Amino acid sequence: MSLERNWQNFINESAEERTIFTYIQGLDEVISNFKPRTMTEKRRLALARQNLREVKRYARKMQNEAIVLQEKLSILEESLTGDE
């Protein structure tokens, strides 16, 4: 199976199954399949991998913050319904 076909299959998945981590994994697979021919390409791929790790770290942080905020919201909603 070619890289292009893999990428098309990834793009055509249903939107309900996609998360930011799905996109990150897809990009990681694409970057991993590149074979650099020059030192410049090798450096660019190393930079892309480093940037992808940073994106993954920030995505996890945002997901954790979203979970905390959802918990706080549910607590606030419970207190509002309890006061009434």
C-alpha atoms as a PDB file:
ATOM      1  CA  MET A   1       0.000   0.000   0.000  1.00  0.00           C
ATOM      2  CA  SER A   2       1.424   3.382  -0.961  1.00  0.00           C
ATOM      3  CA  LEU A   3       1.897   6.351   1.321  1.00  0.00           C
ATOM      4  CA  GLU A   4      -0.596   8.348  -0.734  1.00  0.00           C
ATOM      5  CA  ARG A   5      -3.260   5.665  -0.365  1.00  0.00           C
ATOM      6  CA  ASN A   6      -2.622   5.484   3.412  1.00  0.00           C
ATOM      7  CA  TRP A   7      -2.984   9.235   3.621  1.00  0.00           C
ATOM      8  CA  GLN A   8      -6.231   9.183   1.605  1.00  0.00           C
ATOM      9  CA  ASN A   9      -7.643   6.485   3.891  1.00  0.00           C
ATOM     10  CA  PHE A  10      -6.716   8.600   6.880  1.00  0.00           C
ATOM     11  CA  ILE A  11      -8.391  11.678   5.386  1.00  0.00           C
ATOM     12  CA  ASN A  12     -11.556   9.759   4.472  1.00  0.00           C
ATOM     13  CA  GLU A  13     -12.205   8.384   7.971  1.00  0.00           C
ATOM     14  CA  SER A  14     -15.401   9.589   9.548  1.00  0.00           C
ATOM     15  CA  ALA A  15     -15.130  12.893  11.378  1.00  0.00           C
ATOM     16  CA  GLU A  16     -16.599  11.407  14.552  1.00  0.00           C
ATOM     17  CA  GLU A  17     -13.534   9.229  15.103  1.00  0.00           C
ATOM     18  CA  ARG A  18     -11.010  12.047  14.700  1.00  0.00           C
ATOM     19  CA  THR A  19      -9.315  13.754  17.590  1.00  0.00           C
ATOM     20  CA  ILE A  20      -6.280  15.971  17.688  1.00  0.00           C
ATOM     21  CA  PHE A  21      -4.255  12.903  18.608  1.00  0.00           C
ATOM     22  CA  THR A  22      -5.464  11.152  15.447  1.00  0.00           C
ATOM     23  CA  TYR A  23      -4.125  14.024  13.374  1.00  0.00           C
ATOM     24  CA  ILE A  24      -0.851  14.032  15.296  1.00  0.00           C
ATOM     25  CA  GLN A  25      -0.435  10.290  14.769  1.00  0.00           C
ATOM     26  CA  GLY A  26      -1.102  10.701  11.053  1.00  0.00           C
ATOM     27  CA  LEU A  27       1.489  13.446  10.767  1.00  0.00           C
ATOM     28  CA  ASP A  28       3.980  11.358  12.736  1.00  0.00           C
ATOM     29  CA  GLU A  29       3.488   8.456  10.334  1.00  0.00           C
ATOM     30  CA  VAL A  30       3.930  10.712   7.314  1.00  0.00           C
ATOM     31  CA  ILE A  31       7.117  12.214   8.743  1.00  0.00           C
ATOM     32  CA  SER A  32       8.453   8.762   9.606  1.00  0.00           C
ATOM     33  CA  ASN A  33       7.976   7.567   6.023  1.00  0.00           C
ATOM     34  CA  PHE A  34      10.097  10.348   4.534  1.00  0.00           C
ATOM     35  CA  LYS A  35      13.634   9.370   3.630  1.00  0.00           C
ATOM     36  CA  PRO A  36      15.893  12.435   3.595  1.00  0.00           C
ATOM     37  CA  ARG A  37      18.372  12.611   0.761  1.00  0.00           C
ATOM     38  CA  THR A  38      20.370  15.612   1.897  1.00  0.00           C
ATOM     39  CA  MET A  39      21.549  17.014   5.199  1.00  0.00           C
ATOM     40  CA  THR A  40      19.108  19.901   4.791  1.00  0.00           C
ATOM     41  CA  GLU A  41      16.184  17.514   4.452  1.00  0.00           C
ATOM     42  CA  LYS A  42      17.483  15.532   7.428  1.00  0.00           C
ATOM     43  CA  ARG A  43      17.566  18.687   9.577  1.00  0.00           C
ATOM     44  CA  ARG A  44      14.104  19.723   8.434  1.00  0.00           C
ATOM     45  CA  LEU A  45      12.681  16.316   9.359  1.00  0.00           C
ATOM     46  CA  ALA A  46      14.373  16.474  12.755  1.00  0.00           C
ATOM     47  CA  LEU A  47      12.827  19.902  13.305  1.00  0.00           C
ATOM     48  CA  ALA A  48       9.419  18.619  12.170  1.00  0.00           C
ATOM     49  CA  ARG A  49       9.664  15.715  14.638  1.00  0.00           C
ATOM     50  CA  GLN A  50      10.622  18.089  17.441  1.00  0.00           C
ATOM     51  CA  ASN A  51       7.735  20.417  16.594  1.00  0.00           C
ATOM     52  CA  LEU A  52       5.347  17.471  16.502  1.00  0.00           C
ATOM     53  CA  ARG A  53       6.481  16.402  19.992  1.00  0.00           C
ATOM     54  CA  GLU A  54       5.775  19.934  21.233  1.00  0.00           C
ATOM     55  CA  VAL A  55       2.336  19.897  19.607  1.00  0.00           C
ATOM     56  CA  LYS A  56       1.605  16.553  21.267  1.00  0.00           C
ATOM     57  CA  ARG A  57       2.670  17.938  24.652  1.00  0.00           C
ATOM     58  CA  TYR A  58       0.468  21.021  24.283  1.00  0.00           C
ATOM     59  CA  ALA A  59      -2.451  18.891  23.077  1.00  0.00           C
ATOM     60  CA  ARG A  60      -2.227  16.714  26.188  1.00  0.00           C
ATOM     61  CA  LYS A  61      -2.049  19.828  28.348  1.00  0.00           C
ATOM     62  CA  MET A  62      -5.099  21.337  26.636  1.00  0.00           C
ATOM     63  CA  GLN A  63      -7.015  18.072  26.992  1.00  0.00           C
ATOM     64  CA  ASN A  64      -6.244  17.926  30.712  1.00  0.00           C
ATOM     65  CA  GLU A  65      -7.309  21.561  31.157  1.00  0.00           C
ATOM     66  CA  ALA A  66     -10.541  20.869  29.272  1.00  0.00           C
ATOM     67  CA  ILE A  67     -11.307  17.938  31.574  1.00  0.00           C
ATOM     68  CA  VAL A  68     -10.700  20.097  34.665  1.00  0.00           C
ATOM     69  CA  LEU A  69     -12.917  22.840  33.263  1.00  0.00           C
ATOM     70  CA  GLN A  70     -15.685  20.342  32.474  1.00  0.00           C
ATOM     71  CA  GLU A  71     -15.522  19.063  36.042  1.00  0.00           C
ATOM     72  CA  LYS A  72     -15.702  22.607  37.409  1.00  0.00           C
ATOM     73  CA  LEU A  73     -18.654  23.369  35.139  1.00  0.00           C
ATOM     74  CA  SER A  74     -20.548  20.307  36.311  1.00  0.00           C
ATOM     75  CA  ILE A  75     -19.875  21.274  39.944  1.00  0.00           C
ATOM     76  CA  LEU A  76     -21.175  24.785  39.269  1.00  0.00           C
ATOM     77  CA  GLU A  77     -24.265  23.426  37.530  1.00  0.00           C
ATOM     78  CA  GLU A  78     -24.933  21.069  40.435  1.00  0.00           C
ATOM     79  CA  SER A  79     -24.615  23.919  42.918  1.00  0.00           C
ATOM     80  CA  LEU A  80     -26.988  26.056  40.834  1.00  0.00           C
ATOM     81  CA  THR A  81     -29.632  23.349  40.700  1.00  0.00           C
ATOM     82  CA  GLY A  82     -29.121  22.664  44.413  1.00  0.00           C
ATOM     83  CA  ASP A  83     -29.757  26.323  45.328  1.00  0.00           C
ATOM     84  CA  GLU A  84     -33.055  26.447  43.475  1.00  0.00           C
END
